[in-house]
Amino acid sequence: MKKWQYYIAYGSNLNIGQMARRCPEAEMIGTGRLEQYELEFRGREGNAHANIAKLEEGEVPILLWRISAEDEKRLDVYEGYPTYYDKELMEVEVEGKQYEAMLYRMQPGYERNLPALSYYQTIESGYQMLGFPEEFLQKAVLKAAEEQETEAVCEQQLE
C-alpha cells in the first residue's frame, strides 16, 4: 500500500511537465496562496533557486500536489534534501479546503542571488500554465538584482 501526502510547489515544480517527469505518480490538487510569505531566489550567483521567506504583507502562489512516498524520494534528490533544502509541514487553503502539506525550504546561509535563465523560464512557464500573476516572480528577480547591485557598490567603495 502506498503512502500519500500533499506537497506545496512554489518554484520550478509549478511546471506541470517537469513534475510529470520527476514524479510520475503525482496528482494535481489545486492552486492557492501562502499568506505572509514572499518568493525569493537564493543560492550561488547565476544559479540561485526559489525559496520562500516570511513577509507580513506577502503572498506566494502555490500548486498543491498529492505525491507518493516514491515521488517524495525522487523530489528529495532533486531538491538536495537535507543539505540544500529542508522540509516543513504547513497548513494551506486550496480551493476552499484546508490541507496539511510538505514543502521544501532552503537551508539558512544562502544569499539572495539571480537564477539561471533556464530555471527562471521553467518557473515562468508554470506561472503561465496556471494563470498566476508573473509579478510575484518578477519581484523576486528584481530584489535579487538590487541586492547584488548594492553588494557590488559596497565592494567598490571598500577598494
N, C-alpha and C. Protein backbone atom coordinates (compact mmCIF):
# COMPACT_ATOMS: atom_id res chain seq x y z
N MET A 1 0.84 -1.19 0.00
CA MET A 1 0.00 0.00 0.00
C MET A 1 0.88 1.25 0.00
N LYS A 2 0.53 2.21 -0.84
CA LYS A 2 1.32 3.43 -0.97
C LYS A 2 0.95 4.44 0.10
N LYS A 3 1.97 5.15 0.56
CA LYS A 3 1.74 6.26 1.49
C LYS A 3 1.70 7.53 0.65
N TRP A 4 0.64 8.30 0.79
CA TRP A 4 0.48 9.54 0.03
C TRP A 4 0.54 10.72 0.97
N GLN A 5 1.00 11.83 0.44
CA GLN A 5 0.94 13.08 1.20
C GLN A 5 0.80 14.24 0.23
N TYR A 6 0.54 15.41 0.80
CA TYR A 6 0.39 16.62 -0.01
C TYR A 6 1.70 17.39 -0.02
N TYR A 7 1.98 17.98 -1.17
CA TYR A 7 3.23 18.72 -1.39
C TYR A 7 2.91 20.08 -2.00
N ILE A 8 3.49 21.13 -1.44
CA ILE A 8 3.29 22.51 -1.91
C ILE A 8 4.44 22.88 -2.83
N ALA A 9 4.12 23.19 -4.08
CA ALA A 9 5.12 23.67 -5.04
C ALA A 9 4.96 25.18 -5.20
N TYR A 10 6.10 25.89 -5.21
CA TYR A 10 6.07 27.35 -5.42
C TYR A 10 7.15 27.81 -6.39
N GLY A 11 8.00 26.88 -6.85
CA GLY A 11 9.10 27.22 -7.76
C GLY A 11 8.99 26.42 -9.04
N SER A 12 10.07 25.76 -9.42
CA SER A 12 10.09 25.05 -10.71
C SER A 12 9.10 23.88 -10.76
N ASN A 13 8.67 23.37 -9.62
CA ASN A 13 7.71 22.27 -9.62
C ASN A 13 6.27 22.74 -9.84
N LEU A 14 6.11 24.04 -10.14
CA LEU A 14 4.83 24.52 -10.66
C LEU A 14 4.69 24.10 -12.12
N ASN A 15 5.81 23.79 -12.73
CA ASN A 15 5.82 23.39 -14.13
C ASN A 15 5.32 21.95 -14.23
N ILE A 16 4.17 21.80 -14.84
CA ILE A 16 3.47 20.51 -14.87
C ILE A 16 4.27 19.44 -15.62
N GLY A 17 4.92 19.82 -16.70
CA GLY A 17 5.74 18.88 -17.46
C GLY A 17 6.92 18.37 -16.64
N GLN A 18 7.56 19.30 -15.92
CA GLN A 18 8.69 18.90 -15.07
C GLN A 18 8.23 17.93 -13.99
N MET A 19 7.11 18.24 -13.35
CA MET A 19 6.61 17.35 -12.29
C MET A 19 6.22 15.98 -12.85
N ALA A 20 5.70 15.95 -14.05
CA ALA A 20 5.33 14.65 -14.66
C ALA A 20 6.56 13.77 -14.84
N ARG A 21 7.69 14.40 -15.18
CA ARG A 21 8.94 13.63 -15.34
C ARG A 21 9.52 13.24 -13.99
N ARG A 22 9.50 14.17 -13.04
CA ARG A 22 10.11 13.91 -11.73
C ARG A 22 9.28 12.97 -10.87
N CYS A 23 7.99 13.17 -10.91
CA CYS A 23 7.08 12.44 -10.01
C CYS A 23 5.91 11.88 -10.82
N PRO A 24 6.11 10.75 -11.47
CA PRO A 24 5.09 10.23 -12.37
C PRO A 24 3.76 9.87 -11.70
N GLU A 25 3.77 9.68 -10.38
CA GLU A 25 2.51 9.33 -9.70
C GLU A 25 1.80 10.56 -9.13
N ALA A 26 2.42 11.73 -9.24
CA ALA A 26 1.85 12.94 -8.64
C ALA A 26 0.53 13.33 -9.29
N GLU A 27 -0.35 13.87 -8.47
CA GLU A 27 -1.67 14.30 -8.93
C GLU A 27 -1.89 15.74 -8.48
N MET A 28 -2.28 16.60 -9.43
CA MET A 28 -2.57 18.00 -9.09
C MET A 28 -3.86 18.08 -8.29
N ILE A 29 -3.81 18.83 -7.18
CA ILE A 29 -5.00 19.03 -6.36
C ILE A 29 -5.64 20.38 -6.66
N GLY A 30 -4.83 21.43 -6.70
CA GLY A 30 -5.37 22.75 -7.00
C GLY A 30 -4.38 23.84 -6.63
N THR A 31 -4.81 25.08 -6.85
CA THR A 31 -3.94 26.23 -6.59
C THR A 31 -4.40 27.00 -5.36
N GLY A 32 -3.47 27.75 -4.81
CA GLY A 32 -3.77 28.58 -3.64
C GLY A 32 -2.65 29.58 -3.45
N ARG A 33 -2.57 30.12 -2.24
CA ARG A 33 -1.52 31.09 -1.92
C ARG A 33 -1.02 30.86 -0.51
N LEU A 34 0.27 31.04 -0.33
CA LEU A 34 0.85 31.08 1.02
C LEU A 34 0.81 32.53 1.46
N GLU A 35 0.04 32.80 2.48
CA GLU A 35 -0.07 34.16 3.00
C GLU A 35 1.11 34.45 3.93
N GLN A 36 1.54 35.70 3.94
CA GLN A 36 2.62 36.21 4.79
C GLN A 36 3.98 35.60 4.44
N TYR A 37 4.16 35.32 3.17
CA TYR A 37 5.45 34.87 2.63
C TYR A 37 5.72 35.61 1.33
N GLU A 38 7.00 35.64 0.95
CA GLU A 38 7.37 36.17 -0.36
C GLU A 38 8.25 35.15 -1.06
N LEU A 39 8.19 35.17 -2.38
CA LEU A 39 9.08 34.35 -3.19
C LEU A 39 10.43 35.05 -3.27
N GLU A 40 11.50 34.29 -3.19
CA GLU A 40 12.84 34.86 -3.33
C GLU A 40 13.72 33.84 -4.03
N PHE A 41 14.87 34.31 -4.51
CA PHE A 41 15.88 33.42 -5.10
C PHE A 41 17.13 33.50 -4.25
N ARG A 42 17.62 32.34 -3.83
CA ARG A 42 18.84 32.27 -3.02
C ARG A 42 19.74 31.16 -3.57
N GLY A 43 21.04 31.31 -3.33
CA GLY A 43 21.99 30.31 -3.78
C GLY A 43 23.19 30.96 -4.41
N ARG A 44 23.89 30.20 -5.24
CA ARG A 44 25.08 30.73 -5.91
C ARG A 44 24.67 31.72 -7.00
N GLU A 45 25.53 32.71 -7.23
CA GLU A 45 25.28 33.73 -8.25
C GLU A 45 25.05 33.08 -9.61
N GLY A 46 23.96 33.47 -10.26
CA GLY A 46 23.64 32.93 -11.57
C GLY A 46 23.05 31.53 -11.54
N ASN A 47 22.89 30.97 -10.34
CA ASN A 47 22.34 29.63 -10.20
C ASN A 47 21.53 29.52 -8.91
N ALA A 48 20.85 30.61 -8.56
CA ALA A 48 20.02 30.61 -7.35
C ALA A 48 18.72 29.85 -7.62
N HIS A 49 18.08 29.44 -6.53
CA HIS A 49 16.84 28.67 -6.63
C HIS A 49 15.74 29.32 -5.80
N ALA A 50 14.51 28.94 -6.10
CA ALA A 50 13.35 29.52 -5.43
C ALA A 50 13.32 29.12 -3.96
N ASN A 51 12.87 30.06 -3.16
CA ASN A 51 12.69 29.85 -1.73
C ASN A 51 11.55 30.75 -1.29
N ILE A 52 11.05 30.53 -0.09
CA ILE A 52 10.07 31.44 0.48
C ILE A 52 10.62 32.01 1.77
N ALA A 53 10.24 33.25 2.05
CA ALA A 53 10.67 33.92 3.27
C ALA A 53 9.47 34.63 3.88
N LYS A 54 9.45 34.71 5.21
CA LYS A 54 8.37 35.40 5.91
C LYS A 54 8.32 36.86 5.47
N LEU A 55 7.13 37.35 5.21
CA LEU A 55 6.88 38.76 4.89
C LEU A 55 5.43 39.02 5.23
N GLU A 56 5.21 39.87 6.23
CA GLU A 56 3.87 40.07 6.76
C GLU A 56 2.83 40.37 5.68
N GLU A 57 3.17 41.24 4.75
CA GLU A 57 2.20 41.63 3.71
C GLU A 57 2.35 40.81 2.42
N GLY A 58 3.11 39.74 2.48
CA GLY A 58 3.40 38.98 1.27
C GLY A 58 2.43 37.85 1.00
N GLU A 59 2.55 37.31 -0.20
CA GLU A 59 1.83 36.10 -0.60
C GLU A 59 2.57 35.46 -1.76
N VAL A 60 2.47 34.15 -1.83
CA VAL A 60 3.15 33.38 -2.87
C VAL A 60 2.14 32.42 -3.48
N PRO A 61 1.96 32.46 -4.81
CA PRO A 61 1.07 31.48 -5.44
C PRO A 61 1.67 30.08 -5.37
N ILE A 62 0.82 29.11 -5.14
CA ILE A 62 1.30 27.72 -5.00
C ILE A 62 0.40 26.75 -5.76
N LEU A 63 0.96 25.58 -6.01
CA LEU A 63 0.20 24.47 -6.57
C LEU A 63 0.34 23.31 -5.60
N LEU A 64 -0.78 22.75 -5.20
CA LEU A 64 -0.77 21.61 -4.28
C LEU A 64 -0.83 20.32 -5.09
N TRP A 65 0.11 19.43 -4.77
CA TRP A 65 0.19 18.12 -5.39
C TRP A 65 -0.07 17.04 -4.35
N ARG A 66 -0.59 15.92 -4.79
CA ARG A 66 -0.65 14.71 -3.97
C ARG A 66 0.45 13.81 -4.52
N ILE A 67 1.40 13.44 -3.65
CA ILE A 67 2.54 12.65 -4.11
C ILE A 67 2.66 11.35 -3.32
N SER A 68 3.25 10.36 -3.95
CA SER A 68 3.50 9.08 -3.29
C SER A 68 4.82 9.15 -2.53
N ALA A 69 5.08 8.15 -1.71
CA ALA A 69 6.35 8.07 -0.99
C ALA A 69 7.51 7.98 -1.98
N GLU A 70 7.31 7.28 -3.08
CA GLU A 70 8.36 7.18 -4.12
C GLU A 70 8.61 8.53 -4.78
N ASP A 71 7.53 9.27 -5.06
CA ASP A 71 7.68 10.62 -5.61
C ASP A 71 8.48 11.50 -4.65
N GLU A 72 8.17 11.40 -3.37
CA GLU A 72 8.87 12.21 -2.37
C GLU A 72 10.36 11.88 -2.36
N LYS A 73 10.70 10.61 -2.46
CA LYS A 73 12.12 10.23 -2.51
C LYS A 73 12.82 10.87 -3.71
N ARG A 74 12.14 10.86 -4.86
CA ARG A 74 12.72 11.48 -6.05
C ARG A 74 12.87 12.98 -5.86
N LEU A 75 11.86 13.62 -5.27
CA LEU A 75 11.95 15.06 -5.01
C LEU A 75 13.09 15.38 -4.06
N ASP A 76 13.27 14.55 -3.04
CA ASP A 76 14.37 14.77 -2.09
C ASP A 76 15.70 14.88 -2.83
N VAL A 77 15.90 14.03 -3.81
CA VAL A 77 17.15 14.06 -4.59
C VAL A 77 17.23 15.35 -5.40
N TYR A 78 16.16 15.68 -6.13
CA TYR A 78 16.15 16.89 -6.96
C TYR A 78 16.35 18.16 -6.14
N GLU A 79 15.77 18.19 -4.95
CA GLU A 79 15.81 19.40 -4.12
C GLU A 79 17.04 19.46 -3.21
N GLY A 80 17.87 18.45 -3.24
CA GLY A 80 19.07 18.47 -2.42
C GLY A 80 18.78 18.37 -0.94
N TYR A 81 17.74 17.62 -0.59
CA TYR A 81 17.37 17.42 0.81
C TYR A 81 18.33 16.42 1.44
N PRO A 82 18.85 16.64 2.59
CA PRO A 82 18.59 17.73 3.55
C PRO A 82 19.66 18.84 3.57
N THR A 83 20.63 18.80 2.64
CA THR A 83 21.71 19.78 2.73
C THR A 83 21.36 21.14 2.14
N TYR A 84 20.64 21.18 1.03
CA TYR A 84 20.30 22.44 0.37
C TYR A 84 18.92 22.94 0.81
N TYR A 85 17.95 22.05 0.76
CA TYR A 85 16.60 22.36 1.23
C TYR A 85 16.26 21.45 2.41
N ASP A 86 15.44 21.97 3.30
CA ASP A 86 14.86 21.17 4.38
C ASP A 86 13.37 21.03 4.07
N LYS A 87 12.67 20.23 4.85
CA LYS A 87 11.23 20.06 4.67
C LYS A 87 10.49 20.67 5.85
N GLU A 88 9.34 21.25 5.56
CA GLU A 88 8.46 21.78 6.60
C GLU A 88 7.03 21.36 6.28
N LEU A 89 6.24 21.21 7.33
CA LEU A 89 4.81 20.99 7.15
C LEU A 89 4.10 22.32 7.38
N MET A 90 3.11 22.61 6.55
CA MET A 90 2.35 23.85 6.65
C MET A 90 0.89 23.56 6.40
N GLU A 91 0.06 24.39 7.00
CA GLU A 91 -1.36 24.38 6.68
C GLU A 91 -1.57 25.33 5.50
N VAL A 92 -2.33 24.89 4.53
CA VAL A 92 -2.59 25.73 3.36
C VAL A 92 -4.03 25.52 2.92
N GLU A 93 -4.65 26.60 2.46
CA GLU A 93 -6.01 26.50 1.92
C GLU A 93 -5.93 26.48 0.41
N VAL A 94 -6.54 25.48 -0.17
CA VAL A 94 -6.57 25.33 -1.62
C VAL A 94 -8.01 25.12 -2.04
N GLU A 95 -8.50 26.06 -2.82
CA GLU A 95 -9.86 26.00 -3.34
C GLU A 95 -10.88 25.73 -2.24
N GLY A 96 -10.73 26.46 -1.13
CA GLY A 96 -11.69 26.42 -0.04
C GLY A 96 -11.53 25.29 0.96
N LYS A 97 -10.53 24.46 0.79
CA LYS A 97 -10.31 23.33 1.69
C LYS A 97 -8.93 23.43 2.33
N GLN A 98 -8.83 23.05 3.62
CA GLN A 98 -7.56 23.09 4.35
C GLN A 98 -6.79 21.78 4.17
N TYR A 99 -5.49 21.91 3.99
CA TYR A 99 -4.61 20.75 3.85
C TYR A 99 -3.37 20.96 4.71
N GLU A 100 -2.84 19.88 5.27
CA GLU A 100 -1.51 19.92 5.85
C GLU A 100 -0.59 19.34 4.77
N ALA A 101 0.41 20.12 4.40
CA ALA A 101 1.25 19.73 3.28
C ALA A 101 2.72 20.02 3.56
N MET A 102 3.56 19.28 2.89
CA MET A 102 5.01 19.43 3.00
C MET A 102 5.49 20.40 1.92
N LEU A 103 6.50 21.18 2.27
CA LEU A 103 7.20 21.97 1.27
C LEU A 103 8.69 21.96 1.57
N TYR A 104 9.46 22.31 0.57
CA TYR A 104 10.91 22.41 0.73
C TYR A 104 11.25 23.88 0.95
N ARG A 105 12.09 24.10 1.97
CA ARG A 105 12.52 25.46 2.29
C ARG A 105 14.04 25.45 2.41
N MET A 106 14.67 26.42 1.77
CA MET A 106 16.13 26.44 1.71
C MET A 106 16.76 26.55 3.08
N GLN A 107 17.85 25.82 3.26
CA GLN A 107 18.62 25.90 4.50
C GLN A 107 19.18 27.31 4.66
N PRO A 108 19.39 27.78 5.89
CA PRO A 108 19.96 29.12 6.11
C PRO A 108 21.38 29.24 5.54
N GLY A 109 21.79 30.46 5.28
CA GLY A 109 23.16 30.72 4.88
C GLY A 109 23.35 31.02 3.41
N TYR A 110 22.31 30.89 2.61
CA TYR A 110 22.42 31.19 1.19
C TYR A 110 21.95 32.62 0.93
N GLU A 111 22.73 33.37 0.15
CA GLU A 111 22.41 34.77 -0.14
C GLU A 111 21.42 34.86 -1.29
N ARG A 112 20.72 36.00 -1.30
CA ARG A 112 19.84 36.30 -2.44
C ARG A 112 20.71 36.45 -3.67
N ASN A 113 20.34 35.78 -4.73
CA ASN A 113 21.08 35.84 -5.98
C ASN A 113 20.13 35.61 -7.15
N LEU A 114 20.64 35.82 -8.35
CA LEU A 114 19.84 35.63 -9.55
C LEU A 114 19.85 34.16 -9.99
N PRO A 115 18.71 33.69 -10.50
CA PRO A 115 18.66 32.31 -11.01
C PRO A 115 19.22 32.24 -12.42
N ALA A 116 19.51 31.03 -12.86
CA ALA A 116 19.86 30.79 -14.27
C ALA A 116 18.62 31.08 -15.11
N LEU A 117 18.82 31.56 -16.33
CA LEU A 117 17.71 31.89 -17.20
C LEU A 117 16.81 30.68 -17.44
N SER A 118 17.39 29.52 -17.67
CA SER A 118 16.59 28.31 -17.95
C SER A 118 15.71 27.95 -16.74
N TYR A 119 16.24 28.11 -15.54
CA TYR A 119 15.48 27.82 -14.32
C TYR A 119 14.32 28.81 -14.19
N TYR A 120 14.62 30.10 -14.41
CA TYR A 120 13.59 31.13 -14.36
C TYR A 120 12.48 30.81 -15.37
N GLN A 121 12.87 30.43 -16.57
CA GLN A 121 11.88 30.15 -17.62
C GLN A 121 11.02 28.93 -17.28
N THR A 122 11.59 27.96 -16.57
CA THR A 122 10.81 26.79 -16.14
C THR A 122 9.71 27.24 -15.17
N ILE A 123 10.07 28.12 -14.24
CA ILE A 123 9.08 28.63 -13.29
C ILE A 123 8.07 29.51 -14.02
N GLU A 124 8.56 30.38 -14.89
CA GLU A 124 7.69 31.28 -15.65
C GLU A 124 6.66 30.49 -16.45
N SER A 125 7.09 29.40 -17.05
CA SER A 125 6.18 28.54 -17.81
C SER A 125 5.09 27.97 -16.90
N GLY A 126 5.47 27.56 -15.68
CA GLY A 126 4.49 27.09 -14.71
C GLY A 126 3.49 28.18 -14.34
N TYR A 127 3.98 29.38 -14.11
CA TYR A 127 3.10 30.52 -13.80
C TYR A 127 2.10 30.73 -14.93
N GLN A 128 2.58 30.68 -16.17
CA GLN A 128 1.71 30.90 -17.32
C GLN A 128 0.68 29.79 -17.45
N MET A 129 1.10 28.54 -17.28
CA MET A 129 0.17 27.39 -17.38
C MET A 129 -0.95 27.50 -16.35
N LEU A 130 -0.59 28.00 -15.15
CA LEU A 130 -1.55 28.04 -14.05
C LEU A 130 -2.30 29.37 -13.95
N GLY A 131 -1.94 30.33 -14.79
CA GLY A 131 -2.61 31.63 -14.77
C GLY A 131 -2.22 32.49 -13.57
N PHE A 132 -1.03 32.27 -13.01
CA PHE A 132 -0.56 33.07 -11.87
C PHE A 132 -0.02 34.41 -12.38
N PRO A 133 -0.23 35.49 -11.62
CA PRO A 133 0.36 36.78 -12.00
C PRO A 133 1.89 36.70 -11.92
N GLU A 134 2.55 37.06 -13.00
CA GLU A 134 4.01 36.94 -13.06
C GLU A 134 4.72 37.99 -12.21
N GLU A 135 3.98 38.95 -11.68
CA GLU A 135 4.60 39.99 -10.84
C GLU A 135 5.31 39.39 -9.62
N PHE A 136 4.81 38.28 -9.09
CA PHE A 136 5.46 37.64 -7.94
C PHE A 136 6.87 37.18 -8.32
N LEU A 137 6.96 36.58 -9.48
CA LEU A 137 8.22 36.07 -9.99
C LEU A 137 9.17 37.21 -10.34
N GLN A 138 8.64 38.22 -11.01
CA GLN A 138 9.45 39.37 -11.41
C GLN A 138 9.98 40.13 -10.20
N LYS A 139 9.14 40.26 -9.18
CA LYS A 139 9.56 40.96 -7.96
C LYS A 139 10.72 40.23 -7.28
N ALA A 140 10.68 38.90 -7.28
CA ALA A 140 11.76 38.11 -6.66
C ALA A 140 13.08 38.32 -7.40
N VAL A 141 13.02 38.39 -8.72
CA VAL A 141 14.24 38.62 -9.51
C VAL A 141 14.76 40.03 -9.28
N LEU A 142 13.86 41.01 -9.25
CA LEU A 142 14.29 42.40 -9.02
C LEU A 142 14.96 42.57 -7.67
N LYS A 143 14.39 41.94 -6.64
CA LYS A 143 15.00 42.04 -5.30
C LYS A 143 16.39 41.42 -5.29
N ALA A 144 16.56 40.30 -5.96
CA ALA A 144 17.88 39.65 -6.03
C ALA A 144 18.86 40.55 -6.78
N ALA A 145 18.41 41.14 -7.89
CA ALA A 145 19.29 42.02 -8.67
C ALA A 145 19.68 43.25 -7.87
N GLU A 146 18.71 43.84 -7.17
CA GLU A 146 19.00 45.02 -6.35
C GLU A 146 20.00 44.69 -5.25
N GLU A 147 19.83 43.55 -4.62
CA GLU A 147 20.74 43.16 -3.54
C GLU A 147 22.16 42.94 -4.08
N GLN A 148 22.26 42.32 -5.26
CA GLN A 148 23.58 42.10 -5.86
C GLN A 148 24.23 43.43 -6.26
N GLU A 149 23.43 44.36 -6.76
CA GLU A 149 23.94 45.68 -7.15
C GLU A 149 24.44 46.43 -5.93
N THR A 150 23.70 46.37 -4.83
CA THR A 150 24.10 47.03 -3.59
C THR A 150 25.42 46.45 -3.08
N GLU A 151 25.55 45.14 -3.12
CA GLU A 151 26.79 44.49 -2.67
C GLU A 151 27.97 44.92 -3.54
N ALA A 152 27.75 45.02 -4.85
CA ALA A 152 28.83 45.42 -5.76
C ALA A 152 29.29 46.84 -5.47
N VAL A 153 28.35 47.74 -5.20
CA VAL A 153 28.68 49.13 -4.88
C VAL A 153 29.47 49.19 -3.58
N CYS A 154 29.04 48.43 -2.58
CA CYS A 154 29.75 48.40 -1.29
C CYS A 154 31.17 47.88 -1.46
N GLU A 155 31.33 46.84 -2.27
CA GLU A 155 32.67 46.28 -2.50
C GLU A 155 33.58 47.29 -3.19
N GLN A 156 33.02 48.05 -4.15
CA GLN A 156 33.81 49.07 -4.85
C GLN A 156 34.25 50.16 -3.89
N GLN A 157 33.39 50.53 -2.96
CA GLN A 157 33.72 51.58 -2.01
C GLN A 157 34.81 51.13 -1.05
N LEU A 158 34.89 49.83 -0.78
CA LEU A 158 35.91 49.30 0.13
C LEU A 158 37.28 49.20 -0.53
N GLU A 159 37.32 49.17 -1.85
CA GLU A 159 38.60 49.02 -2.56
C GLU A 159 39.43 50.28 -2.52
